[in-house]
Amino acid sequence: MENLERVVSKIEEELDEKDQIREVALKSSRAVVRLSGNTMKALHREEEFDEQLEDLKDEASRLSSLLADHPDLASAGYVESAFQEFSEVGIMLSILERDDVPSPDDLGVESVPYLLALGDTVGELRRFSLDELKRGNVMRANYFLDRMEDLYTALMRFDYPDAIVAIRRKQDVARSLLEKTRGEVAVAASARNLQEKIDDLLKKM
């Protein structure tokens, strides 16, 4: 049994290395989630976010590099959640700046976390739409509603079992948010039209 010690020692070394990488990946994933949340808040508040965004990109790149040789760890739930949050920021920022979405390759992420991020972006677009309604800007609110509809239509193209991509709940939530927002924008538009008619009548009196 002379070979047993060598075999077991080699396996032990490999698992020790993987365990160390897992610990670092867990911390990095948490950092990506935290930085993603902070950047998204800054977007909604129209605050400066350049420094936070750079930190987020650096951390996401670090996590990708760390897991390049460990695809089994890259598919861990906490890693996918981190890249999902990162993708959501990238998608939302691209919509705001270019009225378009980046590709998974543009963001350096896999297709599944990107697709799930598309679903969550519907909720972020709703928040932007409601913010515009509070400001009385119905046209801008309708712009975000249109983007919600675009993403929802894209999401509904995917009909796969959860073992491949757990998209069904995202689709259901997106549908519900879209219906609510559509109703709220319609009510606001009707109220604005009514107010404009009243103002016209008052001017003629």
N, C-alpha and C. Protein backbone atom coordinates (compact mmCIF):
# COMPACT_ATOMS: atom_id res chain seq x y z
N MET A 1 0.83 -1.21 0.00
CA MET A 1 0.00 0.00 0.00
C MET A 1 0.87 1.27 0.00
N GLU A 2 2.02 1.18 -0.63
CA GLU A 2 2.91 2.35 -0.63
C GLU A 2 2.31 3.54 -1.38
N ASN A 3 1.50 3.26 -2.35
CA ASN A 3 0.94 4.34 -3.17
C ASN A 3 -0.19 5.08 -2.46
N LEU A 4 -0.79 4.46 -1.48
CA LEU A 4 -1.95 5.04 -0.80
C LEU A 4 -1.63 6.40 -0.19
N GLU A 5 -0.51 6.48 0.50
CA GLU A 5 -0.14 7.74 1.16
C GLU A 5 0.05 8.85 0.14
N ARG A 6 0.71 8.54 -0.98
CA ARG A 6 0.92 9.55 -2.00
C ARG A 6 -0.41 10.02 -2.60
N VAL A 7 -1.30 9.07 -2.86
CA VAL A 7 -2.60 9.41 -3.45
C VAL A 7 -3.42 10.27 -2.50
N VAL A 8 -3.50 9.82 -1.25
CA VAL A 8 -4.30 10.55 -0.26
C VAL A 8 -3.71 11.93 0.01
N SER A 9 -2.40 12.04 0.09
CA SER A 9 -1.75 13.32 0.34
C SER A 9 -2.02 14.30 -0.80
N LYS A 10 -1.98 13.80 -2.03
CA LYS A 10 -2.25 14.67 -3.18
C LYS A 10 -3.69 15.17 -3.16
N ILE A 11 -4.61 14.28 -2.87
CA ILE A 11 -6.03 14.67 -2.79
C ILE A 11 -6.23 15.69 -1.68
N GLU A 12 -5.55 15.46 -0.56
CA GLU A 12 -5.66 16.37 0.57
C GLU A 12 -5.16 17.77 0.21
N GLU A 13 -4.07 17.85 -0.51
CA GLU A 13 -3.53 19.13 -0.96
C GLU A 13 -4.51 19.85 -1.88
N GLU A 14 -5.09 19.10 -2.81
CA GLU A 14 -6.04 19.69 -3.75
C GLU A 14 -7.26 20.24 -3.02
N LEU A 15 -7.77 19.48 -2.05
CA LEU A 15 -8.96 19.91 -1.32
C LEU A 15 -8.65 21.07 -0.39
N ASP A 16 -7.44 21.07 0.18
CA ASP A 16 -7.04 22.20 1.02
C ASP A 16 -7.01 23.49 0.19
N GLU A 17 -6.45 23.38 -1.02
CA GLU A 17 -6.41 24.55 -1.90
C GLU A 17 -7.81 25.01 -2.28
N LYS A 18 -8.68 24.04 -2.61
CA LYS A 18 -10.05 24.38 -3.00
C LYS A 18 -10.80 25.02 -1.84
N ASP A 19 -10.55 24.52 -0.62
CA ASP A 19 -11.21 25.09 0.55
C ASP A 19 -10.77 26.53 0.78
N GLN A 20 -9.51 26.80 0.59
CA GLN A 20 -8.99 28.16 0.74
C GLN A 20 -9.59 29.09 -0.31
N ILE A 21 -9.66 28.60 -1.55
CA ILE A 21 -10.24 29.41 -2.62
C ILE A 21 -11.72 29.66 -2.35
N ARG A 22 -12.40 28.64 -1.83
CA ARG A 22 -13.83 28.80 -1.52
C ARG A 22 -14.04 29.90 -0.49
N GLU A 23 -13.19 29.95 0.53
CA GLU A 23 -13.32 30.97 1.56
C GLU A 23 -13.11 32.37 0.98
N VAL A 24 -12.10 32.51 0.13
CA VAL A 24 -11.84 33.80 -0.51
C VAL A 24 -12.99 34.18 -1.44
N ALA A 25 -13.50 33.19 -2.19
CA ALA A 25 -14.60 33.44 -3.12
C ALA A 25 -15.86 33.86 -2.38
N LEU A 26 -16.09 33.28 -1.21
CA LEU A 26 -17.26 33.64 -0.41
C LEU A 26 -17.17 35.10 0.03
N LYS A 27 -16.01 35.52 0.51
CA LYS A 27 -15.82 36.91 0.92
C LYS A 27 -15.94 37.86 -0.26
N SER A 28 -15.36 37.46 -1.39
CA SER A 28 -15.43 38.29 -2.58
C SER A 28 -16.86 38.41 -3.08
N SER A 29 -17.62 37.32 -3.03
CA SER A 29 -19.02 37.34 -3.46
C SER A 29 -19.84 38.29 -2.60
N ARG A 30 -19.59 38.26 -1.30
CA ARG A 30 -20.30 39.17 -0.40
C ARG A 30 -19.96 40.62 -0.72
N ALA A 31 -18.70 40.86 -1.06
CA ALA A 31 -18.27 42.22 -1.41
C ALA A 31 -18.95 42.69 -2.69
N VAL A 32 -19.07 41.79 -3.69
CA VAL A 32 -19.74 42.14 -4.94
C VAL A 32 -21.20 42.48 -4.68
N VAL A 33 -21.87 41.70 -3.85
CA VAL A 33 -23.28 41.97 -3.52
C VAL A 33 -23.42 43.32 -2.83
N ARG A 34 -22.54 43.59 -1.87
CA ARG A 34 -22.60 44.85 -1.12
C ARG A 34 -22.34 46.04 -2.05
N LEU A 35 -21.30 45.95 -2.86
CA LEU A 35 -20.97 47.05 -3.77
C LEU A 35 -22.06 47.25 -4.83
N SER A 36 -22.66 46.15 -5.27
CA SER A 36 -23.76 46.25 -6.24
C SER A 36 -24.94 47.00 -5.64
N GLY A 37 -25.27 46.67 -4.39
CA GLY A 37 -26.37 47.35 -3.72
C GLY A 37 -26.11 48.82 -3.54
N ASN A 38 -24.89 49.17 -3.14
CA ASN A 38 -24.53 50.58 -2.95
C ASN A 38 -24.57 51.36 -4.26
N THR A 39 -24.10 50.72 -5.33
CA THR A 39 -24.09 51.39 -6.64
C THR A 39 -25.51 51.60 -7.14
N MET A 40 -26.37 50.60 -6.95
CA MET A 40 -27.76 50.74 -7.39
C MET A 40 -28.47 51.84 -6.61
N LYS A 41 -28.21 51.92 -5.32
CA LYS A 41 -28.81 53.01 -4.52
C LYS A 41 -28.37 54.37 -5.04
N ALA A 42 -27.10 54.48 -5.37
CA ALA A 42 -26.58 55.75 -5.90
C ALA A 42 -27.24 56.11 -7.22
N LEU A 43 -27.51 55.09 -8.06
CA LEU A 43 -28.20 55.32 -9.33
C LEU A 43 -29.58 55.91 -9.09
N HIS A 44 -30.32 55.33 -8.15
CA HIS A 44 -31.68 55.80 -7.87
C HIS A 44 -31.67 57.20 -7.26
N ARG A 45 -30.67 57.48 -6.45
CA ARG A 45 -30.59 58.78 -5.78
C ARG A 45 -29.91 59.84 -6.63
N GLU A 46 -29.46 59.43 -7.83
CA GLU A 46 -28.76 60.33 -8.74
C GLU A 46 -27.53 60.93 -8.07
N GLU A 47 -26.81 60.09 -7.32
CA GLU A 47 -25.58 60.49 -6.66
C GLU A 47 -24.38 60.02 -7.49
N GLU A 48 -23.20 60.55 -7.15
CA GLU A 48 -21.98 60.10 -7.80
C GLU A 48 -21.72 58.64 -7.45
N PHE A 49 -21.35 57.86 -8.45
CA PHE A 49 -21.13 56.43 -8.20
C PHE A 49 -19.91 55.89 -8.92
N ASP A 50 -19.14 56.76 -9.58
CA ASP A 50 -18.00 56.31 -10.38
C ASP A 50 -17.01 55.48 -9.57
N GLU A 51 -16.67 55.95 -8.38
CA GLU A 51 -15.70 55.24 -7.55
C GLU A 51 -16.26 53.89 -7.10
N GLN A 52 -17.53 53.88 -6.70
CA GLN A 52 -18.16 52.62 -6.29
C GLN A 52 -18.22 51.63 -7.45
N LEU A 53 -18.53 52.15 -8.63
CA LEU A 53 -18.64 51.29 -9.80
C LEU A 53 -17.29 50.66 -10.16
N GLU A 54 -16.23 51.44 -10.05
CA GLU A 54 -14.90 50.91 -10.32
C GLU A 54 -14.53 49.83 -9.31
N ASP A 55 -14.86 50.08 -8.04
CA ASP A 55 -14.60 49.07 -7.01
C ASP A 55 -15.38 47.79 -7.30
N LEU A 56 -16.62 47.96 -7.74
CA LEU A 56 -17.46 46.81 -8.06
C LEU A 56 -16.88 46.02 -9.23
N LYS A 57 -16.49 46.71 -10.28
CA LYS A 57 -15.90 46.03 -11.45
C LYS A 57 -14.62 45.29 -11.06
N ASP A 58 -13.79 45.93 -10.23
CA ASP A 58 -12.54 45.30 -9.80
C ASP A 58 -12.81 44.03 -9.00
N GLU A 59 -13.78 44.10 -8.10
CA GLU A 59 -14.09 42.95 -7.26
C GLU A 59 -14.69 41.81 -8.07
N ALA A 60 -15.56 42.15 -9.01
CA ALA A 60 -16.16 41.12 -9.88
C ALA A 60 -15.10 40.47 -10.75
N SER A 61 -14.16 41.26 -11.26
CA SER A 61 -13.07 40.72 -12.07
C SER A 61 -12.17 39.81 -11.22
N ARG A 62 -11.93 40.23 -10.00
CA ARG A 62 -11.12 39.43 -9.07
C ARG A 62 -11.79 38.09 -8.80
N LEU A 63 -13.08 38.11 -8.61
CA LEU A 63 -13.81 36.87 -8.34
C LEU A 63 -13.77 35.95 -9.55
N SER A 64 -13.94 36.51 -10.74
CA SER A 64 -13.88 35.69 -11.96
C SER A 64 -12.52 35.04 -12.13
N SER A 65 -11.47 35.81 -11.90
CA SER A 65 -10.11 35.29 -12.05
C SER A 65 -9.84 34.19 -11.02
N LEU A 66 -10.32 34.41 -9.82
CA LEU A 66 -10.11 33.45 -8.74
C LEU A 66 -10.71 32.09 -9.08
N LEU A 67 -11.84 32.09 -9.77
CA LEU A 67 -12.58 30.86 -10.02
C LEU A 67 -12.33 30.29 -11.42
N ALA A 68 -11.42 30.91 -12.16
CA ALA A 68 -11.18 30.49 -13.54
C ALA A 68 -10.84 29.01 -13.65
N ASP A 69 -10.09 28.50 -12.70
CA ASP A 69 -9.68 27.09 -12.74
C ASP A 69 -10.53 26.20 -11.83
N HIS A 70 -11.65 26.75 -11.34
CA HIS A 70 -12.51 25.99 -10.43
C HIS A 70 -13.98 26.17 -10.83
N PRO A 71 -14.36 25.60 -11.98
CA PRO A 71 -15.74 25.77 -12.45
C PRO A 71 -16.79 25.22 -11.49
N ASP A 72 -16.42 24.24 -10.66
CA ASP A 72 -17.39 23.72 -9.70
C ASP A 72 -17.74 24.77 -8.65
N LEU A 73 -16.76 25.57 -8.24
CA LEU A 73 -17.04 26.66 -7.30
C LEU A 73 -17.75 27.81 -7.99
N ALA A 74 -17.46 28.02 -9.27
CA ALA A 74 -18.08 29.11 -10.01
C ALA A 74 -19.60 28.94 -10.12
N SER A 75 -20.07 27.69 -10.02
CA SER A 75 -21.50 27.43 -10.12
C SER A 75 -22.19 27.41 -8.76
N ALA A 76 -21.44 27.72 -7.70
CA ALA A 76 -22.03 27.76 -6.37
C ALA A 76 -23.07 28.87 -6.29
N GLY A 77 -24.07 28.66 -5.46
CA GLY A 77 -25.16 29.63 -5.37
C GLY A 77 -24.73 31.02 -4.98
N TYR A 78 -23.80 31.14 -4.03
CA TYR A 78 -23.39 32.46 -3.58
C TYR A 78 -22.61 33.20 -4.66
N VAL A 79 -21.90 32.47 -5.52
CA VAL A 79 -21.17 33.10 -6.63
C VAL A 79 -22.16 33.57 -7.70
N GLU A 80 -23.10 32.72 -8.06
CA GLU A 80 -24.09 33.11 -9.07
C GLU A 80 -24.91 34.30 -8.60
N SER A 81 -25.23 34.34 -7.30
CA SER A 81 -25.98 35.47 -6.76
C SER A 81 -25.18 36.76 -6.88
N ALA A 82 -23.88 36.66 -6.62
CA ALA A 82 -23.02 37.84 -6.73
C ALA A 82 -22.98 38.36 -8.16
N PHE A 83 -22.79 37.45 -9.12
CA PHE A 83 -22.74 37.87 -10.52
C PHE A 83 -24.10 38.34 -11.03
N GLN A 84 -25.15 37.82 -10.42
CA GLN A 84 -26.49 38.29 -10.77
C GLN A 84 -26.67 39.75 -10.35
N GLU A 85 -26.24 40.07 -9.12
CA GLU A 85 -26.33 41.45 -8.64
C GLU A 85 -25.46 42.38 -9.48
N PHE A 86 -24.26 41.92 -9.80
CA PHE A 86 -23.36 42.71 -10.63
C PHE A 86 -23.97 42.95 -12.01
N SER A 87 -24.56 41.92 -12.59
CA SER A 87 -25.19 42.05 -13.91
C SER A 87 -26.35 43.03 -13.87
N GLU A 88 -27.12 43.01 -12.81
CA GLU A 88 -28.26 43.92 -12.68
C GLU A 88 -27.81 45.37 -12.74
N VAL A 89 -26.71 45.67 -12.05
CA VAL A 89 -26.17 47.03 -12.09
C VAL A 89 -25.73 47.38 -13.51
N GLY A 90 -25.02 46.45 -14.16
CA GLY A 90 -24.55 46.71 -15.52
C GLY A 90 -25.68 46.90 -16.51
N ILE A 91 -26.73 46.11 -16.38
CA ILE A 91 -27.89 46.23 -17.28
C ILE A 91 -28.61 47.55 -17.06
N MET A 92 -28.85 47.89 -15.79
CA MET A 92 -29.57 49.12 -15.48
C MET A 92 -28.79 50.34 -15.92
N LEU A 93 -27.51 50.33 -15.69
CA LEU A 93 -26.66 51.46 -16.08
C LEU A 93 -26.66 51.63 -17.60
N SER A 94 -26.62 50.52 -18.33
CA SER A 94 -26.61 50.57 -19.78
C SER A 94 -27.94 51.11 -20.32
N ILE A 95 -29.04 50.72 -19.71
CA ILE A 95 -30.35 51.24 -20.12
C ILE A 95 -30.40 52.75 -19.91
N LEU A 96 -29.91 53.21 -18.77
CA LEU A 96 -29.94 54.64 -18.47
C LEU A 96 -29.04 55.45 -19.40
N GLU A 97 -27.89 54.89 -19.73
CA GLU A 97 -26.91 55.64 -20.52
C GLU A 97 -27.06 55.44 -22.02
N ARG A 98 -27.47 54.24 -22.45
CA ARG A 98 -27.46 53.94 -23.89
C ARG A 98 -28.81 53.45 -24.41
N ASP A 99 -29.78 53.34 -23.52
CA ASP A 99 -31.09 52.81 -23.90
C ASP A 99 -30.95 51.44 -24.55
N ASP A 100 -30.07 50.63 -23.98
CA ASP A 100 -29.84 49.28 -24.50
C ASP A 100 -29.24 48.45 -23.38
N VAL A 101 -29.12 47.15 -23.61
CA VAL A 101 -28.53 46.28 -22.60
C VAL A 101 -27.18 45.75 -23.08
N PRO A 102 -26.26 45.48 -22.15
CA PRO A 102 -25.00 44.84 -22.53
C PRO A 102 -25.22 43.34 -22.68
N SER A 103 -24.28 42.66 -23.27
CA SER A 103 -24.34 41.20 -23.37
C SER A 103 -23.65 40.59 -22.14
N PRO A 104 -23.89 39.31 -21.87
CA PRO A 104 -23.13 38.66 -20.80
C PRO A 104 -21.63 38.77 -21.00
N ASP A 105 -21.18 38.65 -22.25
CA ASP A 105 -19.75 38.79 -22.54
C ASP A 105 -19.24 40.19 -22.19
N ASP A 106 -20.07 41.19 -22.47
CA ASP A 106 -19.67 42.57 -22.13
C ASP A 106 -19.41 42.72 -20.64
N LEU A 107 -20.20 42.02 -19.85
CA LEU A 107 -20.09 42.11 -18.39
C LEU A 107 -19.14 41.07 -17.81
N GLY A 108 -18.78 40.07 -18.63
CA GLY A 108 -17.89 39.02 -18.14
C GLY A 108 -18.57 38.04 -17.22
N VAL A 109 -19.86 37.74 -17.49
CA VAL A 109 -20.62 36.82 -16.66
C VAL A 109 -21.21 35.70 -17.51
N GLU A 110 -21.68 34.65 -16.85
CA GLU A 110 -22.33 33.54 -17.55
C GLU A 110 -23.79 33.90 -17.86
N SER A 111 -24.40 33.10 -18.73
CA SER A 111 -25.75 33.40 -19.21
C SER A 111 -26.81 33.32 -18.12
N VAL A 112 -26.70 32.34 -17.22
CA VAL A 112 -27.76 32.14 -16.22
C VAL A 112 -27.86 33.31 -15.24
N PRO A 113 -26.78 33.73 -14.57
CA PRO A 113 -26.93 34.90 -13.69
C PRO A 113 -27.35 36.15 -14.44
N TYR A 114 -26.91 36.28 -15.69
CA TYR A 114 -27.32 37.43 -16.50
C TYR A 114 -28.83 37.41 -16.73
N LEU A 115 -29.36 36.24 -17.12
CA LEU A 115 -30.78 36.12 -17.41
C LEU A 115 -31.62 36.40 -16.17
N LEU A 116 -31.19 35.88 -15.02
CA LEU A 116 -31.91 36.15 -13.78
C LEU A 116 -31.85 37.64 -13.43
N ALA A 117 -30.72 38.26 -13.75
CA ALA A 117 -30.58 39.70 -13.51
C ALA A 117 -31.55 40.51 -14.37
N LEU A 118 -31.80 40.05 -15.58
CA LEU A 118 -32.79 40.71 -16.43
C LEU A 118 -34.15 40.76 -15.73
N GLY A 119 -34.50 39.64 -15.08
CA GLY A 119 -35.76 39.60 -14.36
C GLY A 119 -35.79 40.61 -13.22
N ASP A 120 -34.70 40.71 -12.46
CA ASP A 120 -34.66 41.65 -11.34
C ASP A 120 -34.62 43.10 -11.82
N THR A 121 -34.09 43.34 -13.00
CA THR A 121 -34.03 44.69 -13.54
C THR A 121 -35.42 45.25 -13.79
N VAL A 122 -36.38 44.38 -14.04
CA VAL A 122 -37.76 44.83 -14.20
C VAL A 122 -38.21 45.57 -12.94
N GLY A 123 -37.85 45.04 -11.78
CA GLY A 123 -38.21 45.70 -10.52
C GLY A 123 -37.52 47.04 -10.36
N GLU A 124 -36.25 47.13 -10.77
CA GLU A 124 -35.53 48.40 -10.68
C GLU A 124 -36.15 49.43 -11.63
N LEU A 125 -36.55 49.00 -12.81
CA LEU A 125 -37.20 49.91 -13.75
C LEU A 125 -38.52 50.42 -13.19
N ARG A 126 -39.23 49.57 -12.46
CA ARG A 126 -40.47 50.02 -11.82
C ARG A 126 -40.19 51.14 -10.82
N ARG A 127 -39.12 50.99 -10.06
CA ARG A 127 -38.76 52.03 -9.09
C ARG A 127 -38.46 53.35 -9.79
N PHE A 128 -37.75 53.28 -10.90
CA PHE A 128 -37.47 54.50 -11.66
C PHE A 128 -38.77 55.11 -12.21
N SER A 129 -39.67 54.26 -12.67
CA SER A 129 -40.94 54.74 -13.20
C SER A 129 -41.76 55.44 -12.12
N LEU A 130 -41.81 54.84 -10.94
CA LEU A 130 -42.58 55.44 -9.85
C LEU A 130 -41.94 56.75 -9.39
N ASP A 131 -40.62 56.80 -9.40
CA ASP A 131 -39.94 58.05 -9.03
C ASP A 131 -40.33 59.18 -9.99
N GLU A 132 -40.44 58.85 -11.28
CA GLU A 132 -40.83 59.86 -12.26
C GLU A 132 -42.29 60.27 -12.09
N LEU A 133 -43.14 59.33 -11.70
CA LEU A 133 -44.53 59.68 -11.44
C LEU A 133 -44.64 60.65 -10.26
N LYS A 134 -43.82 60.45 -9.25
CA LYS A 134 -43.83 61.35 -8.10
C LYS A 134 -43.42 62.76 -8.50
N ARG A 135 -42.56 62.85 -9.50
CA ARG A 135 -42.12 64.16 -9.99
C ARG A 135 -43.13 64.75 -10.98
N GLY A 136 -44.15 63.98 -11.32
CA GLY A 136 -45.14 64.45 -12.28
C GLY A 136 -44.72 64.28 -13.72
N ASN A 137 -43.67 63.50 -13.95
CA ASN A 137 -43.14 63.30 -15.31
C ASN A 137 -43.69 62.00 -15.88
N VAL A 138 -44.90 62.05 -16.39
CA VAL A 138 -45.57 60.86 -16.89
C VAL A 138 -44.87 60.30 -18.12
N MET A 139 -44.39 61.16 -18.98
CA MET A 139 -43.73 60.69 -20.20
C MET A 139 -42.48 59.87 -19.87
N ARG A 140 -41.69 60.36 -18.93
CA ARG A 140 -40.49 59.63 -18.54
C ARG A 140 -40.86 58.33 -17.83
N ALA A 141 -41.91 58.36 -17.02
CA ALA A 141 -42.38 57.15 -16.35
C ALA A 141 -42.80 56.11 -17.37
N ASN A 142 -43.43 56.57 -18.43
CA ASN A 142 -43.87 55.65 -19.49
C ASN A 142 -42.68 55.06 -20.24
N TYR A 143 -41.59 55.83 -20.33
CA TYR A 143 -40.37 55.32 -20.95
C TYR A 143 -39.87 54.09 -20.18
N PHE A 144 -39.81 54.19 -18.86
CA PHE A 144 -39.35 53.05 -18.06
C PHE A 144 -40.34 51.89 -18.12
N LEU A 145 -41.63 52.21 -18.21
CA LEU A 145 -42.64 51.16 -18.38
C LEU A 145 -42.39 50.40 -19.68
N ASP A 146 -42.09 51.12 -20.75
CA ASP A 146 -41.81 50.47 -22.04
C ASP A 146 -40.61 49.53 -21.93
N ARG A 147 -39.60 49.95 -21.19
CA ARG A 147 -38.42 49.10 -21.02
C ARG A 147 -38.75 47.86 -20.19
N MET A 148 -39.62 48.02 -19.21
CA MET A 148 -40.09 46.87 -18.44
C MET A 148 -40.77 45.86 -19.37
N GLU A 149 -41.59 46.36 -20.28
CA GLU A 149 -42.29 45.48 -21.21
C GLU A 149 -41.31 44.77 -22.13
N ASP A 150 -40.28 45.49 -22.57
CA ASP A 150 -39.26 44.87 -23.43
C ASP A 150 -38.57 43.70 -22.72
N LEU A 151 -38.17 43.94 -21.47
CA LEU A 151 -37.48 42.88 -20.72
C LEU A 151 -38.42 41.72 -20.43
N TYR A 152 -39.66 42.03 -20.08
CA TYR A 152 -40.62 40.96 -19.79
C TYR A 152 -40.85 40.08 -21.03
N THR A 153 -41.00 40.72 -22.19
CA THR A 153 -41.18 39.97 -23.43
C THR A 153 -40.00 39.05 -23.69
N ALA A 154 -38.79 39.58 -23.44
CA ALA A 154 -37.59 38.76 -23.63
C ALA A 154 -37.56 37.59 -22.64
N LEU A 155 -37.91 37.84 -21.39
CA LEU A 155 -37.90 36.79 -20.37
C LEU A 155 -38.85 35.65 -20.71
N MET A 156 -40.00 35.99 -21.28
CA MET A 156 -41.02 34.98 -21.57
C MET A 156 -40.64 34.05 -22.71
N ARG A 157 -39.53 34.33 -23.37
CA ARG A 157 -39.05 33.41 -24.40
C ARG A 157 -38.44 32.15 -23.80
N PHE A 158 -38.14 32.19 -22.51
CA PHE A 158 -37.43 31.08 -21.87
C PHE A 158 -38.39 30.18 -21.11
N ASP A 159 -38.46 28.95 -21.53
CA ASP A 159 -39.35 27.97 -20.90
C ASP A 159 -38.54 26.69 -20.65
N TYR A 160 -37.79 26.69 -19.58
CA TYR A 160 -36.92 25.57 -19.25
C TYR A 160 -37.17 25.12 -17.82
N PRO A 161 -36.87 23.87 -17.51
CA PRO A 161 -37.01 23.41 -16.12
C PRO A 161 -36.04 24.14 -15.20
N ASP A 162 -36.38 24.19 -13.92
CA ASP A 162 -35.55 24.91 -12.94
C ASP A 162 -34.15 24.34 -12.86
N ALA A 163 -33.98 23.08 -13.22
CA ALA A 163 -32.65 22.47 -13.18
C ALA A 163 -31.69 23.14 -14.16
N ILE A 164 -32.25 23.77 -15.20
CA ILE A 164 -31.43 24.48 -16.18
C ILE A 164 -31.31 25.95 -15.81
N VAL A 165 -32.46 26.59 -15.57
CA VAL A 165 -32.46 27.99 -15.11
C VAL A 165 -33.78 28.24 -14.37
N ALA A 166 -33.66 28.73 -13.15
CA ALA A 166 -34.84 28.97 -12.30
C ALA A 166 -35.45 30.32 -12.65
N ILE A 167 -36.10 30.38 -13.82
CA ILE A 167 -36.58 31.65 -14.35
C ILE A 167 -38.07 31.87 -14.11
N ARG A 168 -38.82 30.84 -13.76
CA ARG A 168 -40.28 30.96 -13.73
C ARG A 168 -40.76 31.96 -12.68
N ARG A 169 -40.14 31.93 -11.52
CA ARG A 169 -40.56 32.89 -10.48
C ARG A 169 -40.24 34.32 -10.92
N LYS A 170 -39.10 34.50 -11.56
CA LYS A 170 -38.75 35.83 -12.08
C LYS A 170 -39.79 36.30 -13.08
N GLN A 171 -40.25 35.38 -13.92
CA GLN A 171 -41.26 35.73 -14.92
C GLN A 171 -42.57 36.14 -14.24
N ASP A 172 -42.97 35.39 -13.21
CA ASP A 172 -44.22 35.69 -12.50
C ASP A 172 -44.14 37.05 -11.81
N VAL A 173 -43.01 37.31 -11.14
CA VAL A 173 -42.84 38.59 -10.45
C VAL A 173 -42.83 39.74 -11.47
N ALA A 174 -42.12 39.54 -12.57
CA ALA A 174 -42.04 40.57 -13.60
C ALA A 174 -43.42 40.88 -14.16
N ARG A 175 -44.24 39.85 -14.38
CA ARG A 175 -45.59 40.06 -14.90
C ARG A 175 -46.41 40.89 -13.92
N SER A 176 -46.33 40.55 -12.64
CA SER A 176 -47.09 41.27 -11.62
C SER A 176 -46.66 42.74 -11.53
N LEU A 177 -45.35 42.97 -11.54
CA LEU A 177 -44.84 44.35 -11.45
C LEU A 177 -45.21 45.16 -12.69
N LEU A 178 -45.18 44.51 -13.84
CA LEU A 178 -45.52 45.18 -15.08
C LEU A 178 -46.99 45.61 -15.07
N GLU A 179 -47.88 44.71 -14.62
CA GLU A 179 -49.31 45.04 -14.58
C GLU A 179 -49.59 46.19 -13.61
N LYS A 180 -48.93 46.16 -12.45
CA LYS A 180 -49.12 47.24 -11.47
C LYS A 180 -48.64 48.58 -12.03
N THR A 181 -47.47 48.56 -12.62
CA THR A 181 -46.89 49.80 -13.14
C THR A 181 -47.70 50.33 -14.31
N ARG A 182 -48.16 49.44 -15.16
CA ARG A 182 -48.98 49.86 -16.30
C ARG A 182 -50.24 50.58 -15.81
N GLY A 183 -50.87 50.04 -14.77
CA GLY A 183 -52.06 50.67 -14.22
C GLY A 183 -51.76 52.03 -13.59
N GLU A 184 -50.64 52.11 -12.86
CA GLU A 184 -50.29 53.37 -12.19
C GLU A 184 -49.94 54.46 -13.20
N VAL A 185 -49.24 54.10 -14.26
CA VAL A 185 -48.90 55.08 -15.28
C VAL A 185 -50.16 55.52 -16.02
N ALA A 186 -51.08 54.59 -16.28
CA ALA A 186 -52.32 54.93 -16.97
C ALA A 186 -53.16 55.90 -16.14
N VAL A 187 -53.24 55.66 -14.84
CA VAL A 187 -53.99 56.55 -13.95
C VAL A 187 -53.36 57.94 -13.94
N ALA A 188 -52.03 57.99 -13.85
CA ALA A 188 -51.34 59.27 -13.83
C ALA A 188 -51.53 60.02 -15.14
N ALA A 189 -51.50 59.30 -16.27
CA ALA A 189 -51.70 59.94 -17.57
C ALA A 189 -53.11 60.49 -17.69
N SER A 190 -54.09 59.74 -17.20
CA SER A 190 -55.48 60.20 -17.24
C SER A 190 -55.66 61.45 -16.38
N ALA A 191 -55.04 61.44 -15.21
CA ALA A 191 -55.13 62.59 -14.31
C ALA A 191 -54.49 63.82 -14.93
N ARG A 192 -53.37 63.63 -15.61
CA ARG A 192 -52.70 64.76 -16.26
C ARG A 192 -53.56 65.32 -17.39
N ASN A 193 -54.14 64.43 -18.19
CA ASN A 193 -55.00 64.88 -19.29
C ASN A 193 -56.21 65.64 -18.77
N LEU A 194 -56.80 65.16 -17.68
CA LEU A 194 -57.94 65.84 -17.09
C LEU A 194 -57.56 67.22 -16.59
N GLN A 195 -56.39 67.30 -15.94
CA GLN A 195 -55.92 68.58 -15.43
C GLN A 195 -55.67 69.57 -16.56
N GLU A 196 -55.13 69.07 -17.67
CA GLU A 196 -54.88 69.94 -18.82
C GLU A 196 -56.19 70.48 -19.40
N LYS A 197 -57.22 69.63 -19.43
CA LYS A 197 -58.52 70.08 -19.93
C LYS A 197 -59.13 71.12 -19.01
N ILE A 198 -58.99 70.90 -17.70
CA ILE A 198 -59.52 71.88 -16.73
C ILE A 198 -58.80 73.20 -16.88
N ASP A 199 -57.46 73.14 -17.05
CA ASP A 199 -56.68 74.36 -17.21
C ASP A 199 -57.10 75.11 -18.47
N ASP A 200 -57.38 74.39 -19.55
CA ASP A 200 -57.82 75.03 -20.79
C ASP A 200 -59.16 75.71 -20.61
N LEU A 201 -60.07 75.06 -19.89
CA LEU A 201 -61.38 75.65 -19.65
C LEU A 201 -61.28 76.91 -18.82
N LEU A 202 -60.39 76.86 -17.81
CA LEU A 202 -60.22 78.04 -16.94
C LEU A 202 -59.64 79.22 -17.70
N LYS A 203 -58.77 78.93 -18.67
CA LYS A 203 -58.17 79.99 -19.46
C LYS A 203 -59.21 80.67 -20.35
N LYS A 204 -60.23 79.91 -20.78
CA LYS A 204 -61.25 80.44 -21.67
C LYS A 204 -62.34 81.22 -20.93
N MET A 205 -62.37 81.05 -19.62
CA MET A 205 -63.40 81.72 -18.83
C MET A 205 -63.08 83.20 -18.60
